[in-house]
Structures are given as structure tokens and as C-alpha cells.
Amino acid sequence: MTDYWTNKLVFDLQGPHGKDQWTNHRAEVIARYPVPPKIEQALLNDDIGVLIPVINPYLMRFFLLMLGYDDAKSIEVLESFQTDEERKRVNG
């Protein structure tokens, strides 16, 4: 299940200063949103495995790009967390 505030945080980073804010003021950015402690720690540590279940897939793709992953690496990371059942459902 996605978490509203975590998604709102990532959504708001899409603004013109989002990358700078995340790179240089990450803790301050996170503090503006009432995210659970586990999510706060995952955001601080770029723990994609914890974040994937709570962030909308489109926002997660943006988040990975913002972290510096290129398109191919972003897709690779996202696919690595996909279960065999999900792969079968999506890819047939």
C-alpha cells in the first residue's frame, strides 16, 4: 500500500529545485513530511527495497532518475524487486 506523505514528498521534488534540495538538504526536506520512522530512514539511506512498496511506480521511476540512475539502470533496479508472479502477469 502506498503512503500518501512519502508520495507527496517525492512528487514535490519534481519542482525546479528538487534535486538540489534532495542532494544538499535531505534531512530538512524529509522533516517537512510526517513519514513513519522506517520510511524516513529508508529515504536517508536510499533504501529502494523499503521504498518500492510505498511509492507510486511512476514517482519511484522519477526518484531513481533523481538519484542519478539512468533509464536502463532504473528499469533494472525496478525489475529486480519484481516477483516471478508479477513478471508473468505483466509480461505474459
N, C-alpha and C. Protein backbone atom coordinates (compact mmCIF):
# COMPACT_ATOMS: atom_id res chain seq x y z
N MET A 1 0.84 -1.17 0.00
CA MET A 1 0.00 0.00 0.00
C MET A 1 0.89 1.24 0.00
N THR A 2 0.54 2.21 -0.82
CA THR A 2 1.35 3.43 -0.90
C THR A 2 1.10 4.31 0.32
N ASP A 3 2.06 5.16 0.60
CA ASP A 3 1.98 6.09 1.71
C ASP A 3 1.83 7.50 1.14
N TYR A 4 0.74 8.17 1.51
CA TYR A 4 0.45 9.50 0.93
C TYR A 4 1.61 10.46 1.12
N TRP A 5 2.13 10.59 2.33
CA TRP A 5 3.14 11.60 2.59
C TRP A 5 4.47 11.30 1.91
N THR A 6 4.81 10.04 1.79
CA THR A 6 6.03 9.69 1.07
C THR A 6 5.88 10.03 -0.41
N ASN A 7 4.72 9.73 -0.97
CA ASN A 7 4.46 10.07 -2.37
C ASN A 7 4.43 11.58 -2.56
N LYS A 8 3.86 12.31 -1.61
CA LYS A 8 3.81 13.77 -1.69
C LYS A 8 5.23 14.34 -1.68
N LEU A 9 6.07 13.81 -0.82
CA LEU A 9 7.46 14.25 -0.75
C LEU A 9 8.14 14.07 -2.10
N VAL A 10 8.05 12.87 -2.67
CA VAL A 10 8.70 12.61 -3.96
C VAL A 10 8.07 13.46 -5.05
N PHE A 11 6.76 13.60 -5.04
CA PHE A 11 6.07 14.44 -6.02
C PHE A 11 6.60 15.87 -5.95
N ASP A 12 6.72 16.41 -4.76
CA ASP A 12 7.19 17.79 -4.59
C ASP A 12 8.63 17.98 -5.05
N LEU A 13 9.41 16.93 -5.06
CA LEU A 13 10.79 17.04 -5.53
C LEU A 13 10.88 17.27 -7.04
N GLN A 14 9.78 17.11 -7.74
CA GLN A 14 9.77 17.33 -9.18
C GLN A 14 9.88 18.81 -9.54
N GLY A 15 9.80 19.69 -8.56
CA GLY A 15 9.91 21.11 -8.82
C GLY A 15 11.31 21.51 -9.27
N PRO A 16 11.48 22.77 -9.62
CA PRO A 16 12.75 23.23 -10.19
C PRO A 16 13.97 23.08 -9.27
N HIS A 17 13.77 23.04 -7.98
CA HIS A 17 14.91 22.94 -7.06
C HIS A 17 14.94 21.60 -6.32
N GLY A 18 14.15 20.65 -6.78
CA GLY A 18 14.02 19.37 -6.10
C GLY A 18 15.32 18.61 -5.96
N LYS A 19 16.07 18.50 -7.03
CA LYS A 19 17.32 17.73 -6.98
C LYS A 19 18.30 18.38 -6.01
N ASP A 20 18.43 19.70 -6.07
CA ASP A 20 19.32 20.40 -5.15
C ASP A 20 18.86 20.22 -3.70
N GLN A 21 17.56 20.36 -3.47
CA GLN A 21 17.04 20.19 -2.11
C GLN A 21 17.34 18.79 -1.58
N TRP A 22 17.13 17.78 -2.44
CA TRP A 22 17.35 16.40 -2.00
C TRP A 22 18.84 16.12 -1.79
N THR A 23 19.66 16.63 -2.65
CA THR A 23 21.10 16.38 -2.57
C THR A 23 21.73 17.11 -1.38
N ASN A 24 21.33 18.34 -1.15
CA ASN A 24 22.01 19.17 -0.17
C ASN A 24 21.26 19.41 1.14
N HIS A 25 19.96 19.07 1.18
CA HIS A 25 19.15 19.35 2.37
C HIS A 25 18.16 18.22 2.65
N ARG A 26 18.60 17.01 2.43
CA ARG A 26 17.70 15.85 2.50
C ARG A 26 16.96 15.75 3.84
N ALA A 27 17.67 15.83 4.95
CA ALA A 27 17.03 15.70 6.26
C ALA A 27 15.97 16.78 6.47
N GLU A 28 16.26 18.00 6.04
CA GLU A 28 15.29 19.09 6.19
C GLU A 28 14.05 18.86 5.32
N VAL A 29 14.26 18.32 4.12
CA VAL A 29 13.14 18.01 3.24
C VAL A 29 12.26 16.95 3.89
N ILE A 30 12.86 15.89 4.36
CA ILE A 30 12.10 14.79 4.98
C ILE A 30 11.33 15.28 6.20
N ALA A 31 11.93 16.18 6.97
CA ALA A 31 11.30 16.68 8.19
C ALA A 31 9.99 17.42 7.92
N ARG A 32 9.79 17.89 6.71
CA ARG A 32 8.55 18.61 6.37
C ARG A 32 7.36 17.68 6.17
N TYR A 33 7.59 16.37 6.17
CA TYR A 33 6.54 15.41 5.87
C TYR A 33 6.43 14.40 7.02
N PRO A 34 5.21 14.09 7.45
CA PRO A 34 5.03 13.14 8.56
C PRO A 34 5.13 11.68 8.10
N VAL A 35 6.34 11.29 7.70
CA VAL A 35 6.55 9.91 7.25
C VAL A 35 6.94 9.05 8.45
N PRO A 36 6.60 7.77 8.43
CA PRO A 36 6.99 6.88 9.53
C PRO A 36 8.51 6.79 9.65
N PRO A 37 9.01 6.51 10.84
CA PRO A 37 10.47 6.43 11.06
C PRO A 37 11.17 5.45 10.11
N LYS A 38 10.56 4.32 9.83
CA LYS A 38 11.17 3.34 8.92
C LYS A 38 11.34 3.94 7.53
N ILE A 39 10.36 4.71 7.08
CA ILE A 39 10.43 5.34 5.77
C ILE A 39 11.46 6.48 5.79
N GLU A 40 11.48 7.23 6.87
CA GLU A 40 12.47 8.30 7.00
C GLU A 40 13.88 7.74 6.86
N GLN A 41 14.15 6.64 7.55
CA GLN A 41 15.47 6.02 7.47
C GLN A 41 15.76 5.51 6.07
N ALA A 42 14.76 4.92 5.43
CA ALA A 42 14.93 4.42 4.06
C ALA A 42 15.23 5.56 3.10
N LEU A 43 14.57 6.70 3.29
CA LEU A 43 14.85 7.86 2.44
C LEU A 43 16.26 8.39 2.67
N LEU A 44 16.68 8.42 3.89
CA LEU A 44 18.04 8.89 4.20
C LEU A 44 19.10 7.97 3.60
N ASN A 45 18.79 6.67 3.53
CA ASN A 45 19.76 5.68 3.08
C ASN A 45 19.56 5.21 1.65
N ASP A 46 18.62 5.82 0.93
CA ASP A 46 18.30 5.38 -0.44
C ASP A 46 17.98 3.89 -0.47
N ASP A 47 17.23 3.42 0.51
CA ASP A 47 16.86 2.00 0.61
C ASP A 47 15.65 1.73 -0.28
N ILE A 48 15.92 1.47 -1.53
CA ILE A 48 14.88 1.29 -2.54
C ILE A 48 13.95 0.13 -2.18
N GLY A 49 14.48 -0.93 -1.60
CA GLY A 49 13.66 -2.09 -1.24
C GLY A 49 12.55 -1.75 -0.27
N VAL A 50 12.81 -0.85 0.66
CA VAL A 50 11.79 -0.42 1.62
C VAL A 50 10.83 0.56 0.95
N LEU A 51 11.34 1.38 0.05
CA LEU A 51 10.52 2.44 -0.55
C LEU A 51 9.60 1.96 -1.67
N ILE A 52 10.00 0.94 -2.41
CA ILE A 52 9.20 0.50 -3.56
C ILE A 52 7.74 0.20 -3.20
N PRO A 53 7.46 -0.50 -2.11
CA PRO A 53 6.05 -0.80 -1.83
C PRO A 53 5.20 0.42 -1.46
N VAL A 54 5.83 1.53 -1.07
CA VAL A 54 5.05 2.67 -0.59
C VAL A 54 5.02 3.85 -1.55
N ILE A 55 5.80 3.79 -2.62
CA ILE A 55 5.85 4.90 -3.58
C ILE A 55 5.23 4.46 -4.90
N ASN A 56 4.39 5.31 -5.44
CA ASN A 56 3.78 5.07 -6.74
C ASN A 56 4.87 4.76 -7.76
N PRO A 57 4.66 3.76 -8.62
CA PRO A 57 5.71 3.36 -9.57
C PRO A 57 6.23 4.49 -10.47
N TYR A 58 5.36 5.38 -10.89
CA TYR A 58 5.80 6.49 -11.73
C TYR A 58 6.69 7.46 -10.94
N LEU A 59 6.31 7.70 -9.69
CA LEU A 59 7.14 8.55 -8.84
C LEU A 59 8.44 7.86 -8.47
N MET A 60 8.41 6.54 -8.30
CA MET A 60 9.64 5.81 -8.00
C MET A 60 10.62 5.91 -9.16
N ARG A 61 10.11 5.83 -10.36
CA ARG A 61 10.98 5.96 -11.54
C ARG A 61 11.65 7.33 -11.55
N PHE A 62 10.86 8.38 -11.29
CA PHE A 62 11.42 9.72 -11.20
C PHE A 62 12.47 9.79 -10.08
N PHE A 63 12.15 9.21 -8.93
CA PHE A 63 13.04 9.23 -7.78
C PHE A 63 14.38 8.59 -8.12
N LEU A 64 14.34 7.44 -8.80
CA LEU A 64 15.58 6.77 -9.20
C LEU A 64 16.38 7.64 -10.17
N LEU A 65 15.71 8.28 -11.10
CA LEU A 65 16.41 9.17 -12.03
C LEU A 65 17.04 10.33 -11.27
N MET A 66 16.32 10.85 -10.29
CA MET A 66 16.84 11.96 -9.50
C MET A 66 18.06 11.52 -8.68
N LEU A 67 18.08 10.25 -8.26
CA LEU A 67 19.22 9.73 -7.52
C LEU A 67 20.44 9.50 -8.40
N GLY A 68 20.25 9.65 -9.72
CA GLY A 68 21.38 9.51 -10.62
C GLY A 68 21.39 8.25 -11.46
N TYR A 69 20.38 7.41 -11.30
CA TYR A 69 20.29 6.22 -12.13
C TYR A 69 19.85 6.64 -13.53
N ASP A 70 20.47 6.08 -14.56
CA ASP A 70 19.99 6.36 -15.91
C ASP A 70 18.76 5.49 -16.18
N ASP A 71 18.16 5.64 -17.36
CA ASP A 71 16.95 4.89 -17.68
C ASP A 71 17.16 3.39 -17.54
N ALA A 72 18.22 2.88 -18.14
CA ALA A 72 18.45 1.44 -18.12
C ALA A 72 18.64 0.92 -16.70
N LYS A 73 19.42 1.62 -15.89
CA LYS A 73 19.66 1.19 -14.51
C LYS A 73 18.38 1.30 -13.68
N SER A 74 17.58 2.35 -13.92
CA SER A 74 16.31 2.50 -13.20
C SER A 74 15.40 1.31 -13.46
N ILE A 75 15.30 0.93 -14.72
CA ILE A 75 14.46 -0.21 -15.09
C ILE A 75 15.01 -1.49 -14.47
N GLU A 76 16.31 -1.66 -14.51
CA GLU A 76 16.94 -2.84 -13.92
C GLU A 76 16.65 -2.93 -12.42
N VAL A 77 16.77 -1.82 -11.73
CA VAL A 77 16.51 -1.80 -10.29
C VAL A 77 15.05 -2.14 -10.01
N LEU A 78 14.14 -1.52 -10.73
CA LEU A 78 12.72 -1.79 -10.52
C LEU A 78 12.38 -3.25 -10.81
N GLU A 79 12.93 -3.79 -11.88
CA GLU A 79 12.67 -5.19 -12.22
C GLU A 79 13.25 -6.15 -11.19
N SER A 80 14.33 -5.76 -10.54
CA SER A 80 14.95 -6.66 -9.57
C SER A 80 14.06 -6.90 -8.35
N PHE A 81 13.11 -6.02 -8.11
CA PHE A 81 12.21 -6.16 -6.98
C PHE A 81 10.88 -6.82 -7.37
N GLN A 82 10.74 -7.11 -8.65
CA GLN A 82 9.52 -7.74 -9.15
C GLN A 82 9.56 -9.23 -8.86
N THR A 83 8.46 -9.77 -8.38
CA THR A 83 8.39 -11.22 -8.14
C THR A 83 8.17 -11.93 -9.47
N ASP A 84 8.41 -13.23 -9.48
CA ASP A 84 8.16 -14.03 -10.68
C ASP A 84 6.70 -13.94 -11.09
N GLU A 85 5.80 -13.95 -10.10
CA GLU A 85 4.37 -13.85 -10.38
C GLU A 85 4.03 -12.52 -11.05
N GLU A 86 4.62 -11.44 -10.56
CA GLU A 86 4.38 -10.12 -11.16
C GLU A 86 4.93 -10.07 -12.59
N ARG A 87 6.11 -10.63 -12.78
CA ARG A 87 6.69 -10.65 -14.13
C ARG A 87 5.78 -11.40 -15.11
N LYS A 88 5.26 -12.52 -14.66
CA LYS A 88 4.38 -13.32 -15.50
C LYS A 88 3.10 -12.56 -15.84
N ARG A 89 2.55 -11.89 -14.82
CA ARG A 89 1.31 -11.12 -15.03
C ARG A 89 1.54 -9.96 -16.00
N VAL A 90 2.65 -9.27 -15.85
CA VAL A 90 2.93 -8.10 -16.67
C VAL A 90 3.40 -8.50 -18.08
N ASN A 91 4.27 -9.48 -18.16
CA ASN A 91 4.89 -9.83 -19.43
C ASN A 91 4.22 -10.98 -20.17
N GLY A 92 3.31 -11.66 -19.51
CA GLY A 92 2.60 -12.77 -20.14
C GLY A 92 3.36 -14.06 -20.17
